Amino acid sequence: MADEGIADGNVFDDLSCFVWGSDLNEDNFKRWSQGFVFSQDEPSALVQLEGGPCAVIASVQAHLIKNVLFCDGISKHESSGWRQITAEQATDLLARTLCQMLQMVKADDNIALVLMKDHPPCLSGQESQEKSQKMPDSTEFSNYHKTICQQSLRNLTSKDLHSSLRSIKCRNIEETRSLITRNTNIFESHFGVLLFLYSIILTRGIDTIKQEMEDSNEPLVDPDFGHGSQTLINLLITGYGVSHIWDHSKNIASLELRGIPKQCNIGFLTLLEAHRYCEVGSFLKGPEYPIWLLGSETHLSVLFSTERDLSGTEQPVDKAKRVFKAFDQQENGFIDSSKLIDVLAELNLETDPDYVEFMRSRLDPDSVGIILLPNFLDDFFPRESSSLGRTSPFTVFHYNGLGMRTDGESTRKVIYTMGIASIEPTDFSSVAELDIVTCLKTKWPGLSVEWQSKYPPTLN
């Protein structure tokens, strides 16, 4: 059975400081105070009410889409059947997704669920006493009770919330699944996003995340603008609280800077790479499922496809690039020719000394002492390196939790926008192209998208 109890107040003091910094910005806290709520216009799409919590909401959405399309049995890829799920199915998918994400981040055998001591506060008297030993089922609340609960929760300040938290320790995934399934309404309530975020952090462990991240003094939420950090994004889509988006680790000035350790279920692309501020590694560019978080300077959205062959097992040429770059710590685009044997060994290629010497002289004919990446790929992976990969058009969908405007509507609708993507051998891109296309070209050079909507999606 799960251990139910109130955690030491110091734990939640440390948790608050770790997430928000020493001086919590109450405006940021209010913008993050929402539950996981589904769109009325797209049954499986989560709504983001204000700017800020996209790191959590978009990440949960990405994992949820994985379940809808590939892991649940609901989808009908040949039609739009996967978009017609019921409210009951959506709630079940949410519970399953939250459970899977907690399982993904756990560092030991335990999973921590952070709830409120007297949640929901609308219960009182005998009803509250009767349910003290069992958290209430979501089906046990009338719409009236839910409304009162939401109104009561909205009046709570950050201090009120953090002083009312408790942690329930689940010893295995079965206990976690049972508890979340019976109480999905808690995560749909006003503080649901924060309760799940806190559960993720305590399940991974504050100390573990601090050891993984580059600067342990940096809060997970930007104190000025309220956006989730790259550390938080990585934690939610990969299970590791590292601060960088390259593959593996890099040693720079005797410092080990940790990146993504392995291929992930969910990928990540960013507009910042198109602007040459960073480089996304192959583990995030080529996830197991064709689902990517898309990052702008201020917001996160999701791009996905029902076409499974857009992702999956790492291709030999992608592995070759990743291994080559691991020996190019300064990102110069070349390695010292003496490292050729190490690269070949990592790729399980021929390492006979005479052969290696022959290839070294072939790849470095002027004896400069370096080997360029394009030359290496052309010799060892000629077909793959000259190929653009997917050449036939493919269907993509874009999700933005903040929604998009449509004709005759005063509010923004949260719906999936479909597009038909094509890749051309020559890139005829325009400086006026959409930011989302600029972002996607960091993975698919020469890509263009014909959006099936009067209002094409944007990253913000």
Protein backbone atom coordinates (compact mmCIF):
# COMPACT_ATOMS: atom_id res chain seq x y z
CA MET A 1 0.00 0.00 0.00
CA ALA A 2 1.08 3.60 -0.58
CA ASP A 3 2.43 5.47 2.43
CA GLU A 4 0.18 8.48 3.02
CA GLY A 5 1.52 11.22 5.21
CA ILE A 6 2.54 14.82 5.51
CA ALA A 7 6.12 15.43 4.45
CA ASP A 8 8.44 17.58 6.48
CA GLY A 9 7.68 21.25 5.82
CA ASN A 10 11.35 21.81 5.04
CA VAL A 11 10.99 19.53 2.02
CA PHE A 12 8.37 21.80 0.49
CA ASP A 13 10.34 24.90 1.45
CA ASP A 14 13.30 23.46 -0.45
CA LEU A 15 11.01 22.44 -3.29
CA SER A 16 9.54 25.94 -3.60
CA CYS A 17 13.00 27.53 -3.63
CA PHE A 18 14.24 24.99 -6.18
CA VAL A 19 11.35 25.69 -8.55
CA TRP A 20 10.74 29.40 -8.06
CA GLY A 21 13.95 30.78 -6.55
CA SER A 22 14.39 32.41 -3.17
CA ASP A 23 11.97 35.24 -4.00
CA LEU A 24 8.82 33.69 -5.47
CA ASN A 25 7.09 35.91 -8.03
CA GLU A 26 3.40 35.72 -7.14
CA ASP A 27 2.32 36.71 -10.66
CA ASN A 28 4.27 33.78 -12.12
CA PHE A 29 2.75 31.48 -9.52
CA LYS A 30 -0.79 32.56 -10.48
CA ARG A 31 -0.12 31.96 -14.17
CA TRP A 32 1.09 28.44 -13.38
CA SER A 33 -1.96 27.75 -11.19
CA GLN A 34 -4.21 25.74 -13.45
CA GLY A 35 -5.27 22.17 -13.95
CA PHE A 36 -4.99 19.82 -16.89
CA VAL A 37 -8.09 20.76 -18.87
CA PHE A 38 -9.06 19.42 -22.29
CA SER A 39 -10.22 21.59 -25.17
CA GLN A 40 -13.88 21.60 -26.09
CA ASP A 41 -12.85 21.69 -29.75
CA GLU A 42 -10.17 18.94 -29.70
CA PRO A 43 -10.94 16.12 -27.24
CA SER A 44 -7.31 15.10 -26.62
CA ALA A 45 -5.73 18.61 -26.59
CA LEU A 46 -4.83 20.32 -23.31
CA VAL A 47 -5.59 24.01 -22.84
CA GLN A 48 -2.99 26.45 -21.52
CA LEU A 49 -4.79 29.36 -19.90
CA GLU A 50 -1.87 31.82 -19.63
CA GLY A 51 1.76 32.13 -20.65
CA GLY A 52 4.22 30.31 -18.42
CA PRO A 53 3.41 26.65 -17.74
CA CYS A 54 3.95 25.42 -21.32
CA ALA A 55 7.01 23.41 -20.19
CA VAL A 56 4.69 21.11 -18.24
CA ILE A 57 1.54 21.29 -20.35
CA ALA A 58 3.24 20.83 -23.74
CA SER A 59 5.40 17.99 -22.37
CA VAL A 60 2.37 16.17 -20.96
CA GLN A 61 0.59 16.78 -24.27
CA ALA A 62 3.47 15.22 -26.21
CA HIS A 63 3.46 12.09 -24.05
CA LEU A 64 -0.34 11.95 -24.23
CA ILE A 65 -0.26 12.09 -28.04
CA LYS A 66 2.20 9.18 -27.98
CA ASN A 67 -0.42 7.16 -26.10
CA VAL A 68 -3.26 8.23 -28.38
CA LEU A 69 -1.42 7.36 -31.59
CA PHE A 70 0.92 4.51 -30.78
CA CYS A 71 0.41 2.94 -27.37
CA ASP A 72 -3.28 2.84 -26.69
CA GLY A 73 -5.15 1.03 -29.42
CA ILE A 74 -7.62 3.91 -29.82
CA SER A 75 -6.16 5.36 -32.98
CA LYS A 76 -7.17 4.58 -36.52
CA HIS A 77 -4.28 5.88 -38.57
CA GLU A 78 -6.12 5.63 -41.87
CA SER A 79 -8.78 8.08 -40.69
CA SER A 80 -9.37 10.82 -38.14
CA GLY A 81 -10.73 8.33 -35.63
CA TRP A 82 -7.99 9.12 -33.12
CA ARG A 83 -9.35 12.66 -32.90
CA GLN A 84 -12.81 11.49 -31.84
CA ILE A 85 -12.06 10.10 -28.38
CA THR A 86 -14.62 10.50 -25.61
CA ALA A 87 -14.21 12.59 -22.46
CA GLU A 88 -13.88 9.39 -20.45
CA GLN A 89 -11.11 8.13 -22.75
CA ALA A 90 -9.34 11.48 -22.49
CA THR A 91 -9.38 11.36 -18.69
CA ASP A 92 -8.05 7.80 -18.75
CA LEU A 93 -5.30 8.83 -21.16
CA LEU A 94 -4.34 11.73 -18.90
CA ALA A 95 -4.07 9.44 -15.86
CA ARG A 96 -2.03 6.92 -17.82
CA THR A 97 0.27 9.62 -19.19
CA LEU A 98 0.96 11.20 -15.80
CA CYS A 99 1.74 7.77 -14.40
CA GLN A 100 4.15 6.96 -17.24
CA MET A 101 6.00 10.26 -16.83
CA LEU A 102 6.48 9.64 -13.11
CA GLN A 103 7.76 6.17 -13.92
CA MET A 104 10.16 7.70 -16.47
CA VAL A 105 11.81 10.11 -14.02
CA LYS A 106 12.03 7.94 -10.90
CA ALA A 107 15.56 7.51 -9.60
CA ASP A 108 14.79 4.68 -7.14
CA ASP A 109 11.93 2.27 -6.41
CA ASN A 110 9.58 4.94 -5.06
CA ILE A 111 7.26 7.41 -6.76
CA ALA A 112 6.10 10.50 -4.87
CA LEU A 113 2.66 12.02 -5.42
CA VAL A 114 2.27 15.55 -4.07
CA LEU A 115 -1.28 16.42 -3.07
CA MET A 116 -2.96 18.87 -0.70
CA LYS A 117 -3.63 17.76 2.88
CA ASP A 118 -7.37 18.43 2.72
CA HIS A 119 -7.89 18.24 -1.02
CA PRO A 120 -10.53 19.04 -2.10
CA PRO A 121 -11.31 21.80 0.42
CA CYS A 122 -15.05 21.72 -0.38
CA LEU A 123 -15.43 18.49 1.62
CA SER A 124 -16.34 19.11 5.23
CA GLY A 125 -17.82 17.47 8.29
CA GLN A 126 -18.78 13.83 8.17
CA GLU A 127 -18.09 13.52 4.41
CA SER A 128 -14.49 14.61 4.89
CA GLN A 129 -14.03 12.27 7.86
CA GLU A 130 -15.41 9.31 5.95
CA LYS A 131 -12.91 9.86 3.15
CA SER A 132 -9.86 10.48 5.33
CA GLN A 133 -8.56 6.95 4.67
CA LYS A 134 -9.32 6.97 0.94
CA MET A 135 -8.74 9.73 -1.56
CA PRO A 136 -12.05 10.53 -3.34
CA ASP A 137 -12.85 9.23 -6.79
CA SER A 138 -13.34 11.81 -9.53
CA THR A 139 -16.79 10.35 -10.19
CA GLU A 140 -17.92 11.12 -6.64
CA PHE A 141 -18.07 14.87 -7.17
CA SER A 142 -21.00 16.71 -8.66
CA ASN A 143 -20.40 19.66 -10.94
CA TYR A 144 -21.56 21.89 -8.11
CA HIS A 145 -18.89 20.52 -5.76
CA LYS A 146 -16.20 20.92 -8.43
CA THR A 147 -17.18 24.54 -8.99
CA ILE A 148 -17.01 25.34 -5.28
CA CYS A 149 -13.66 23.59 -5.03
CA GLN A 150 -12.20 25.59 -7.89
CA GLN A 151 -13.39 28.86 -6.39
CA SER A 152 -11.88 27.96 -3.02
CA LEU A 153 -8.55 26.99 -4.55
CA ARG A 154 -8.27 30.20 -6.57
CA ASN A 155 -8.23 32.20 -3.35
CA LEU A 156 -5.11 30.43 -2.09
CA THR A 157 -1.72 32.16 -2.28
CA SER A 158 1.56 30.39 -2.93
CA LYS A 159 2.21 30.36 0.83
CA ASP A 160 -1.20 28.79 1.43
CA LEU A 161 -0.54 26.07 -1.13
CA HIS A 162 2.97 25.18 -0.01
CA SER A 163 1.92 24.98 3.63
CA SER A 164 -0.90 22.57 2.73
CA LEU A 165 1.08 20.03 0.73
CA ARG A 166 1.69 16.41 1.58
CA SER A 167 3.61 13.67 -0.19
CA ILE A 168 2.31 10.14 -0.74
CA LYS A 169 4.99 7.55 -1.46
CA CYS A 170 4.05 4.78 -3.88
CA ARG A 171 6.24 1.69 -3.78
CA ASN A 172 5.49 0.50 -7.31
CA ILE A 173 3.88 1.52 -10.56
CA GLU A 174 0.67 -0.37 -9.80
CA GLU A 175 0.06 1.69 -6.66
CA THR A 176 0.78 4.87 -8.59
CA ARG A 177 -1.57 3.97 -11.42
CA SER A 178 -4.36 3.08 -9.01
CA LEU A 179 -4.02 6.29 -7.00
CA ILE A 180 -3.82 8.58 -10.02
CA THR A 181 -6.71 6.86 -11.78
CA ARG A 182 -8.96 7.23 -8.73
CA ASN A 183 -8.02 10.88 -8.31
CA THR A 184 -7.50 12.32 -11.76
CA ASN A 185 -9.88 15.13 -10.74
CA ILE A 186 -7.17 16.45 -8.41
CA PHE A 187 -4.82 17.03 -11.34
CA GLU A 188 -7.68 18.58 -13.31
CA SER A 189 -8.28 21.08 -10.50
CA HIS A 190 -6.83 24.57 -10.07
CA PHE A 191 -3.34 23.53 -8.87
CA GLY A 192 -3.15 20.31 -10.86
CA VAL A 193 -0.21 21.36 -13.06
CA LEU A 194 1.85 22.42 -10.04
CA LEU A 195 0.99 19.30 -8.05
CA PHE A 196 2.17 17.15 -10.93
CA LEU A 197 5.30 19.25 -11.40
CA TYR A 198 6.14 18.88 -7.70
CA SER A 199 5.46 15.13 -7.92
CA ILE A 200 7.89 14.85 -10.84
CA ILE A 201 10.62 16.72 -8.96
CA LEU A 202 10.28 14.80 -5.70
CA THR A 203 10.10 11.50 -7.60
CA ARG A 204 13.35 12.30 -9.39
CA GLY A 205 14.80 13.85 -6.24
CA ILE A 206 15.98 17.44 -5.78
CA ASP A 207 19.53 16.30 -5.03
CA THR A 208 19.60 14.06 -8.12
CA ILE A 209 18.45 16.89 -10.38
CA LYS A 210 20.99 19.28 -8.86
CA GLN A 211 23.74 16.78 -9.64
CA GLU A 212 22.54 16.49 -13.24
CA MET A 213 22.01 20.19 -14.02
CA GLU A 214 24.79 22.64 -14.78
CA ASP A 215 23.95 25.38 -12.26
CA SER A 216 22.14 24.05 -9.20
CA ASN A 217 21.42 27.62 -8.06
CA GLU A 218 19.29 28.34 -11.13
CA PRO A 219 15.55 27.94 -10.41
CA LEU A 220 13.54 25.71 -12.73
CA VAL A 221 11.14 28.58 -13.49
CA ASP A 222 12.58 31.88 -14.68
CA PRO A 223 11.90 34.37 -11.86
CA ASP A 224 11.39 37.28 -14.26
CA PHE A 225 9.38 35.82 -17.14
CA GLY A 226 7.95 32.64 -15.64
CA HIS A 227 9.15 30.25 -18.34
CA GLY A 228 10.39 26.74 -17.60
CA SER A 229 14.14 26.25 -17.94
CA GLN A 230 15.81 23.85 -20.37
CA THR A 231 16.60 21.67 -17.37
CA LEU A 232 12.89 21.36 -16.61
CA ILE A 233 12.01 20.70 -20.25
CA ASN A 234 14.64 17.96 -20.49
CA LEU A 235 13.43 16.40 -17.24
CA LEU A 236 9.86 16.20 -18.52
CA ILE A 237 10.59 14.75 -21.96
CA THR A 238 13.66 12.59 -21.23
CA GLY A 239 13.56 11.86 -17.49
CA TYR A 240 16.95 13.51 -16.90
CA GLY A 241 17.42 16.95 -15.35
CA VAL A 242 20.37 17.92 -17.53
CA SER A 243 20.76 21.47 -18.80
CA HIS A 244 22.00 20.89 -22.35
CA ILE A 245 20.46 19.47 -25.51
CA TRP A 246 23.50 17.91 -27.18
CA ASP A 247 24.21 14.17 -27.08
CA HIS A 248 26.05 12.73 -24.07
CA SER A 249 28.47 14.95 -22.13
CA LYS A 250 31.12 17.44 -23.18
CA ASN A 251 34.28 18.34 -21.32
CA ILE A 252 34.94 22.05 -21.64
CA ALA A 253 37.63 23.76 -19.56
CA SER A 254 37.79 20.67 -17.31
CA LEU A 255 34.04 20.88 -16.67
CA GLU A 256 31.68 18.04 -17.55
CA LEU A 257 28.59 19.51 -19.17
CA ARG A 258 25.88 16.87 -19.33
CA GLY A 259 23.61 16.47 -22.32
CA ILE A 260 20.98 13.92 -23.33
CA PRO A 261 22.30 10.41 -22.55
CA LYS A 262 20.21 8.33 -24.98
CA GLN A 263 17.44 8.33 -27.57
CA CYS A 264 14.15 9.56 -26.07
CA ASN A 265 10.48 8.83 -26.72
CA ILE A 266 9.81 12.53 -27.37
CA GLY A 267 12.02 14.87 -29.39
CA PHE A 268 12.87 18.55 -29.23
CA LEU A 269 13.57 21.18 -31.89
CA THR A 270 14.16 24.86 -31.29
CA LEU A 271 14.12 28.06 -33.28
CA LEU A 272 17.27 29.04 -31.37
CA GLU A 273 19.22 26.44 -33.36
CA ALA A 274 18.11 28.05 -36.61
CA HIS A 275 19.51 31.31 -35.23
CA ARG A 276 22.76 29.47 -34.36
CA TYR A 277 22.50 29.95 -30.61
CA CYS A 278 22.68 26.20 -29.93
CA GLU A 279 22.78 22.78 -31.55
CA VAL A 280 20.27 20.03 -30.84
CA GLY A 281 21.74 16.54 -30.69
CA SER A 282 20.58 13.55 -32.68
CA PHE A 283 18.89 11.92 -29.66
CA LEU A 284 16.35 14.77 -29.52
CA LYS A 285 16.13 15.31 -33.26
CA GLY A 286 15.49 11.63 -33.84
CA PRO A 287 13.21 10.38 -31.04
CA GLU A 288 11.61 6.96 -30.90
CA TYR A 289 8.18 8.40 -31.79
CA PRO A 290 7.45 11.13 -34.40
CA ILE A 291 6.62 13.74 -31.76
CA TRP A 292 8.66 16.87 -31.08
CA LEU A 293 8.40 19.77 -28.67
CA LEU A 294 9.03 22.97 -30.63
CA GLY A 295 10.68 25.82 -28.79
CA SER A 296 10.65 29.53 -29.56
CA GLU A 297 12.24 32.18 -27.37
CA THR A 298 9.17 32.26 -25.10
CA HIS A 299 6.87 29.28 -25.73
CA LEU A 300 6.63 25.55 -26.34
CA SER A 301 4.25 23.79 -28.73
CA VAL A 302 4.15 20.27 -30.22
CA LEU A 303 4.56 18.89 -33.74
CA PHE A 304 3.63 15.27 -34.41
CA SER A 305 2.76 12.84 -37.16
CA THR A 306 0.85 9.58 -37.40
CA GLU A 307 3.55 8.27 -39.77
CA ARG A 308 5.72 6.04 -37.59
CA ASP A 309 8.57 5.75 -40.10
CA LEU A 310 9.52 9.39 -39.50
CA SER A 311 11.28 8.22 -36.34
CA GLY A 312 12.43 5.06 -34.62
CA THR A 313 15.79 3.32 -34.65
CA GLU A 314 18.77 5.62 -35.11
CA GLN A 315 20.06 5.45 -38.69
CA PRO A 316 23.75 4.53 -39.26
CA VAL A 317 24.61 7.94 -40.69
CA ASP A 318 22.99 9.69 -37.71
CA LYS A 319 24.98 7.52 -35.32
CA ALA A 320 28.13 8.29 -37.31
CA LYS A 321 27.52 12.02 -36.99
CA ARG A 322 26.86 11.69 -33.27
CA VAL A 323 30.01 9.64 -32.62
CA PHE A 324 32.17 11.92 -34.79
CA LYS A 325 30.91 14.98 -32.93
CA ALA A 326 31.65 13.32 -29.60
CA PHE A 327 35.34 13.50 -30.57
CA ASP A 328 34.89 17.09 -31.80
CA GLN A 329 34.41 18.70 -28.41
CA GLN A 330 34.97 22.23 -29.75
CA GLU A 331 32.41 21.75 -32.53
CA ASN A 332 34.90 22.69 -35.24
CA GLY A 333 33.50 20.27 -37.80
CA PHE A 334 36.65 18.15 -37.78
CA ILE A 335 38.62 15.79 -35.55
CA ASP A 336 42.31 15.21 -35.05
CA SER A 337 43.34 12.51 -37.52
CA SER A 338 44.77 10.47 -34.65
CA LYS A 339 41.19 10.01 -33.37
CA LEU A 340 40.05 8.19 -36.51
CA ILE A 341 40.69 4.74 -35.00
CA ASP A 342 38.59 5.65 -31.95
CA VAL A 343 35.69 6.82 -34.12
CA LEU A 344 35.83 3.65 -36.21
CA ALA A 345 35.90 1.51 -33.07
CA GLU A 346 32.81 3.28 -31.66
CA LEU A 347 31.01 2.58 -34.93
CA ASN A 348 32.11 -1.08 -35.02
CA LEU A 349 33.96 -0.50 -38.29
CA GLU A 350 37.30 -1.95 -39.36
CA THR A 351 40.18 -0.91 -37.07
CA ASP A 352 43.08 -2.86 -38.55
CA PRO A 353 46.12 -0.53 -38.20
CA ASP A 354 47.07 -0.75 -41.90
CA TYR A 355 43.50 0.02 -42.95
CA VAL A 356 43.20 2.91 -40.53
CA GLU A 357 46.46 4.39 -41.79
CA PHE A 358 45.26 4.06 -45.38
CA MET A 359 41.98 5.82 -44.58
CA ARG A 360 43.76 8.51 -42.60
CA SER A 361 45.93 9.39 -45.57
CA ARG A 362 42.89 9.27 -47.84
CA LEU A 363 40.82 11.58 -45.63
CA ASP A 364 43.77 13.88 -44.88
CA PRO A 365 45.74 13.88 -48.17
CA ASP A 366 47.65 17.08 -47.33
CA SER A 367 48.72 15.75 -43.92
CA VAL A 368 47.15 18.71 -42.14
CA GLY A 369 46.34 16.49 -39.17
CA ILE A 370 42.55 16.83 -39.29
CA ILE A 371 39.63 14.95 -40.80
CA LEU A 372 36.50 16.84 -41.86
CA LEU A 373 33.05 15.45 -41.06
CA PRO A 374 31.72 15.71 -44.68
CA ASN A 375 34.73 13.81 -46.00
CA PHE A 376 34.33 11.13 -43.35
CA LEU A 377 30.63 10.66 -44.14
CA ASP A 378 31.20 10.63 -47.92
CA ASP A 379 33.72 7.82 -47.60
CA PHE A 380 32.06 5.61 -45.00
CA PHE A 381 28.37 6.41 -45.59
CA PRO A 382 28.18 7.64 -49.20
CA ARG A 383 24.54 6.82 -49.87
CA GLU A 384 23.20 7.93 -46.54
CA SER A 385 25.17 11.18 -46.40
CA SER A 386 23.95 12.28 -49.81
CA SER A 387 20.33 11.42 -49.04
CA LEU A 388 17.77 13.76 -47.59
CA GLY A 389 16.03 10.87 -45.87
CA ARG A 390 12.25 11.10 -46.31
CA THR A 391 11.47 12.33 -49.83
CA SER A 392 7.74 11.67 -50.16
CA PRO A 393 5.24 14.12 -48.62
CA PHE A 394 4.07 13.35 -45.09
CA THR A 395 1.31 14.62 -42.82
CA VAL A 396 2.08 16.61 -39.69
CA PHE A 397 -0.07 18.16 -36.97
CA HIS A 398 0.72 21.16 -34.78
CA TYR A 399 -0.56 21.78 -31.26
CA ASN A 400 -0.41 25.09 -29.40
CA GLY A 401 -1.95 25.07 -25.92
CA LEU A 402 -2.60 28.82 -26.11
CA GLY A 403 -4.81 28.23 -29.12
CA MET A 404 -5.29 30.00 -32.43
CA ARG A 405 -7.84 32.47 -33.71
CA THR A 406 -10.42 31.45 -36.30
CA ASP A 407 -13.00 33.33 -38.35
CA GLY A 408 -15.82 34.86 -36.33
CA GLU A 409 -14.38 33.78 -32.98
CA SER A 410 -13.39 36.23 -30.25
CA THR A 411 -11.47 33.58 -28.31
CA ARG A 412 -8.63 31.31 -29.34
CA LYS A 413 -9.40 27.68 -30.12
CA VAL A 414 -7.07 24.87 -29.07
CA ILE A 415 -7.14 22.49 -32.03
CA TYR A 416 -4.61 20.48 -34.03
CA THR A 417 -3.60 22.14 -37.29
CA MET A 418 -2.83 19.67 -40.09
CA GLY A 419 -0.18 20.25 -42.71
CA ILE A 420 1.35 18.39 -45.67
CA ALA A 421 5.15 18.54 -45.49
CA SER A 422 7.48 18.13 -48.47
CA ILE A 423 11.26 18.09 -48.72
CA GLU A 424 13.00 19.40 -51.81
CA PRO A 425 16.65 18.70 -52.77
CA THR A 426 17.25 22.44 -53.07
CA ASP A 427 16.14 24.83 -50.37
CA PHE A 428 14.29 27.80 -51.91
CA SER A 429 13.31 29.22 -48.54
CA SER A 430 12.31 32.81 -48.17
CA VAL A 431 13.38 35.19 -45.43
CA ALA A 432 9.67 35.70 -44.80
CA GLU A 433 8.90 32.03 -44.09
CA LEU A 434 6.97 31.10 -40.96
CA ASP A 435 8.96 30.69 -37.77
CA ILE A 436 7.65 27.15 -37.39
CA VAL A 437 9.06 26.15 -40.80
CA THR A 438 12.40 27.76 -39.92
CA CYS A 439 12.44 25.65 -36.78
CA LEU A 440 11.54 22.41 -38.59
CA LYS A 441 14.31 22.95 -41.12
CA THR A 442 16.85 22.30 -38.40
CA LYS A 443 15.79 18.65 -38.78
CA TRP A 444 14.53 18.59 -42.39
CA PRO A 445 16.51 21.02 -44.60
CA GLY A 446 14.53 22.00 -47.68
CA LEU A 447 11.21 21.42 -45.92
CA SER A 448 8.02 23.25 -46.82
CA VAL A 449 4.56 22.79 -45.30
CA GLU A 450 1.17 23.43 -46.82
CA TRP A 451 -1.05 24.06 -43.82
CA GLN A 452 -4.68 22.99 -44.15
CA SER A 453 -5.94 26.11 -42.42
CA LYS A 454 -6.57 29.73 -43.29
CA TYR A 455 -4.49 30.65 -40.25
CA PRO A 456 -1.13 28.82 -40.29
CA PRO A 457 0.27 27.94 -36.85
CA THR A 458 3.06 29.84 -35.15
CA LEU A 459 5.49 28.95 -32.37
CA ASN A 460 4.12 31.60 -30.00
